[in-house]
């Protein structure tokens, strides 16, 4: 009897490109830079890429309004 295959969940990404993070929040990439300049969101650099850590996205989406 064949065993049922369980699908493992995809691992969560450690960080998201600015364009994807902006789309998640419904804002522009420029506004993400503005939020970072104000200290409201943390960005990380990986080589030439600027990314938004997944922890920042969780923090902002789970924060009480």
N, C-alpha and C. Protein backbone atom coordinates (compact mmCIF):
# COMPACT_ATOMS: atom_id res chain seq x y z
N UNK A 1 0.84 -1.17 0.00
CA UNK A 1 0.00 0.00 0.00
C UNK A 1 0.89 1.24 0.00
N UNK A 2 0.70 2.15 -0.97
CA UNK A 2 1.54 3.34 -1.02
C UNK A 2 1.23 4.30 0.13
N UNK A 3 2.27 4.90 0.63
CA UNK A 3 2.11 5.88 1.70
C UNK A 3 1.67 7.21 1.11
N UNK A 4 0.85 7.92 1.83
CA UNK A 4 0.47 9.25 1.34
C UNK A 4 1.65 10.20 1.53
N UNK A 5 1.84 11.02 0.56
CA UNK A 5 2.96 11.96 0.61
C UNK A 5 2.50 13.23 1.31
N UNK A 6 3.20 13.57 2.33
CA UNK A 6 2.93 14.84 3.02
C UNK A 6 3.78 15.91 2.37
N UNK A 7 3.15 17.00 2.07
CA UNK A 7 3.92 18.09 1.48
C UNK A 7 4.45 18.98 2.59
N UNK A 8 5.72 19.18 2.56
CA UNK A 8 6.34 20.05 3.56
C UNK A 8 6.07 21.49 3.17
N UNK A 9 5.78 22.34 4.15
CA UNK A 9 5.57 23.76 3.82
C UNK A 9 6.86 24.38 3.33
N UNK A 10 6.73 25.33 2.43
CA UNK A 10 7.91 26.03 1.96
C UNK A 10 8.51 26.83 3.12
N UNK A 11 9.81 26.86 3.20
CA UNK A 11 10.41 27.66 4.27
C UNK A 11 10.12 29.14 4.05
N UNK A 12 9.91 29.84 5.13
CA UNK A 12 9.66 31.27 5.02
C UNK A 12 10.94 31.96 4.56
N UNK A 13 10.75 32.96 3.74
CA UNK A 13 11.91 33.72 3.27
C UNK A 13 12.46 34.55 4.42
N UNK A 14 13.75 34.74 4.39
CA UNK A 14 14.38 35.55 5.43
C UNK A 14 14.19 37.03 5.16
N UNK A 15 14.06 37.40 3.89
CA UNK A 15 13.90 38.80 3.53
C UNK A 15 13.22 38.90 2.17
N UNK A 16 12.61 40.06 1.92
CA UNK A 16 11.87 40.28 0.69
C UNK A 16 12.44 41.49 -0.05
N UNK A 17 12.48 41.43 -1.38
CA UNK A 17 12.90 42.60 -2.16
C UNK A 17 11.94 43.76 -1.90
N UNK A 18 12.43 44.97 -2.09
CA UNK A 18 11.62 46.16 -1.82
C UNK A 18 10.31 46.15 -2.60
N UNK A 19 10.35 45.74 -3.86
CA UNK A 19 9.13 45.75 -4.68
C UNK A 19 8.08 44.82 -4.11
N UNK A 20 8.47 43.64 -3.64
CA UNK A 20 7.51 42.69 -3.06
C UNK A 20 6.98 43.20 -1.73
N UNK A 21 7.86 43.75 -0.91
CA UNK A 21 7.42 44.29 0.38
C UNK A 21 6.46 45.45 0.17
N UNK A 22 6.77 46.31 -0.79
CA UNK A 22 5.88 47.44 -1.08
C UNK A 22 4.52 46.94 -1.54
N UNK A 23 4.50 45.91 -2.38
CA UNK A 23 3.23 45.35 -2.85
C UNK A 23 2.43 44.75 -1.69
N UNK A 24 3.11 44.11 -0.74
CA UNK A 24 2.42 43.55 0.43
C UNK A 24 1.71 44.63 1.24
N UNK A 25 2.35 45.79 1.34
CA UNK A 25 1.78 46.88 2.13
C UNK A 25 0.91 47.83 1.31
N UNK A 26 0.96 47.70 0.00
CA UNK A 26 0.19 48.59 -0.86
C UNK A 26 0.77 49.99 -0.92
N UNK A 27 2.11 50.08 -0.86
CA UNK A 27 2.78 51.37 -0.92
C UNK A 27 3.87 51.30 -1.99
N UNK A 28 4.53 52.40 -2.24
CA UNK A 28 5.61 52.42 -3.24
C UNK A 28 6.95 52.07 -2.60
N UNK A 29 7.89 51.71 -3.47
CA UNK A 29 9.25 51.45 -2.99
C UNK A 29 9.83 52.69 -2.33
N UNK A 30 9.55 53.86 -2.91
CA UNK A 30 10.07 55.10 -2.35
C UNK A 30 9.56 55.32 -0.94
N UNK A 31 8.30 54.95 -0.69
CA UNK A 31 7.75 55.13 0.66
C UNK A 31 8.44 54.20 1.65
N UNK A 32 8.85 53.03 1.20
CA UNK A 32 9.62 52.14 2.09
C UNK A 32 10.93 52.81 2.48
N UNK A 33 11.59 53.45 1.53
CA UNK A 33 12.82 54.19 1.85
C UNK A 33 12.53 55.31 2.85
N UNK A 34 11.40 55.98 2.67
CA UNK A 34 11.02 57.06 3.60
C UNK A 34 10.80 56.50 5.00
N UNK A 35 10.10 55.37 5.10
CA UNK A 35 9.88 54.74 6.40
C UNK A 35 11.21 54.33 7.04
N UNK A 36 12.13 53.84 6.24
CA UNK A 36 13.44 53.45 6.76
C UNK A 36 14.21 54.67 7.27
N UNK A 37 14.13 55.77 6.52
CA UNK A 37 14.82 56.99 6.94
C UNK A 37 14.28 57.50 8.27
N UNK A 38 12.97 57.34 8.48
CA UNK A 38 12.33 57.75 9.75
C UNK A 38 12.58 56.75 10.88
N UNK A 39 13.15 55.59 10.55
CA UNK A 39 13.40 54.57 11.57
C UNK A 39 12.20 53.70 11.86
N UNK A 40 11.21 53.71 10.98
CA UNK A 40 9.99 52.93 11.21
C UNK A 40 10.08 51.51 10.65
N UNK A 41 11.04 51.27 9.76
CA UNK A 41 11.24 49.93 9.21
C UNK A 41 12.74 49.74 8.99
N UNK A 42 13.20 48.53 9.19
CA UNK A 42 14.63 48.23 9.05
C UNK A 42 14.85 47.58 7.69
N UNK A 43 15.88 48.03 7.01
CA UNK A 43 16.29 47.44 5.74
C UNK A 43 17.66 46.80 5.91
N UNK A 44 17.94 45.79 5.10
CA UNK A 44 19.27 45.17 5.13
C UNK A 44 19.83 45.18 3.71
N UNK A 45 21.14 45.25 3.63
CA UNK A 45 21.82 45.21 2.34
C UNK A 45 22.48 43.84 2.19
N UNK A 46 22.30 43.24 1.04
CA UNK A 46 22.95 41.98 0.71
C UNK A 46 23.60 42.18 -0.65
N UNK A 47 24.88 42.45 -0.62
CA UNK A 47 25.54 42.83 -1.86
C UNK A 47 24.98 44.16 -2.34
N UNK A 48 24.45 44.19 -3.55
CA UNK A 48 23.87 45.41 -4.10
C UNK A 48 22.37 45.50 -3.84
N UNK A 49 21.80 44.46 -3.28
CA UNK A 49 20.35 44.42 -3.07
C UNK A 49 19.97 44.99 -1.71
N UNK A 50 18.85 45.69 -1.69
CA UNK A 50 18.28 46.18 -0.44
C UNK A 50 17.02 45.36 -0.18
N UNK A 51 16.93 44.78 1.00
CA UNK A 51 15.84 43.87 1.34
C UNK A 51 15.15 44.29 2.63
N UNK A 52 13.90 43.86 2.76
CA UNK A 52 13.15 44.07 3.99
C UNK A 52 13.10 42.71 4.71
N UNK A 53 13.65 42.62 5.91
CA UNK A 53 13.62 41.35 6.64
C UNK A 53 12.18 40.90 6.89
N UNK A 54 11.96 39.59 6.83
CA UNK A 54 10.63 39.04 7.08
C UNK A 54 10.15 39.41 8.48
N UNK A 55 11.07 39.52 9.43
CA UNK A 55 10.70 39.89 10.79
C UNK A 55 10.08 41.29 10.83
N UNK A 56 10.55 42.19 9.97
CA UNK A 56 9.98 43.55 9.90
C UNK A 56 8.57 43.51 9.31
N UNK A 57 8.38 42.69 8.31
CA UNK A 57 7.05 42.57 7.71
C UNK A 57 6.07 42.01 8.73
N UNK A 58 6.49 40.96 9.47
CA UNK A 58 5.63 40.40 10.52
C UNK A 58 5.32 41.44 11.59
N UNK A 59 6.34 42.16 12.02
CA UNK A 59 6.16 43.17 13.07
C UNK A 59 5.15 44.23 12.65
N UNK A 60 5.23 44.68 11.42
CA UNK A 60 4.34 45.73 10.96
C UNK A 60 2.93 45.23 10.68
N UNK A 61 2.80 43.99 10.26
CA UNK A 61 1.46 43.47 9.97
C UNK A 61 0.75 43.01 11.22
N UNK A 62 1.49 42.67 12.27
CA UNK A 62 0.88 42.20 13.50
C UNK A 62 0.72 43.30 14.54
N UNK A 63 1.26 44.48 14.26
CA UNK A 63 1.21 45.57 15.23
C UNK A 63 -0.22 46.12 15.36
N UNK A 64 -0.64 46.42 16.59
CA UNK A 64 -1.95 47.05 16.76
C UNK A 64 -1.96 48.43 16.14
N UNK A 65 -3.05 48.79 15.53
CA UNK A 65 -3.15 50.08 14.84
C UNK A 65 -3.44 51.19 15.80
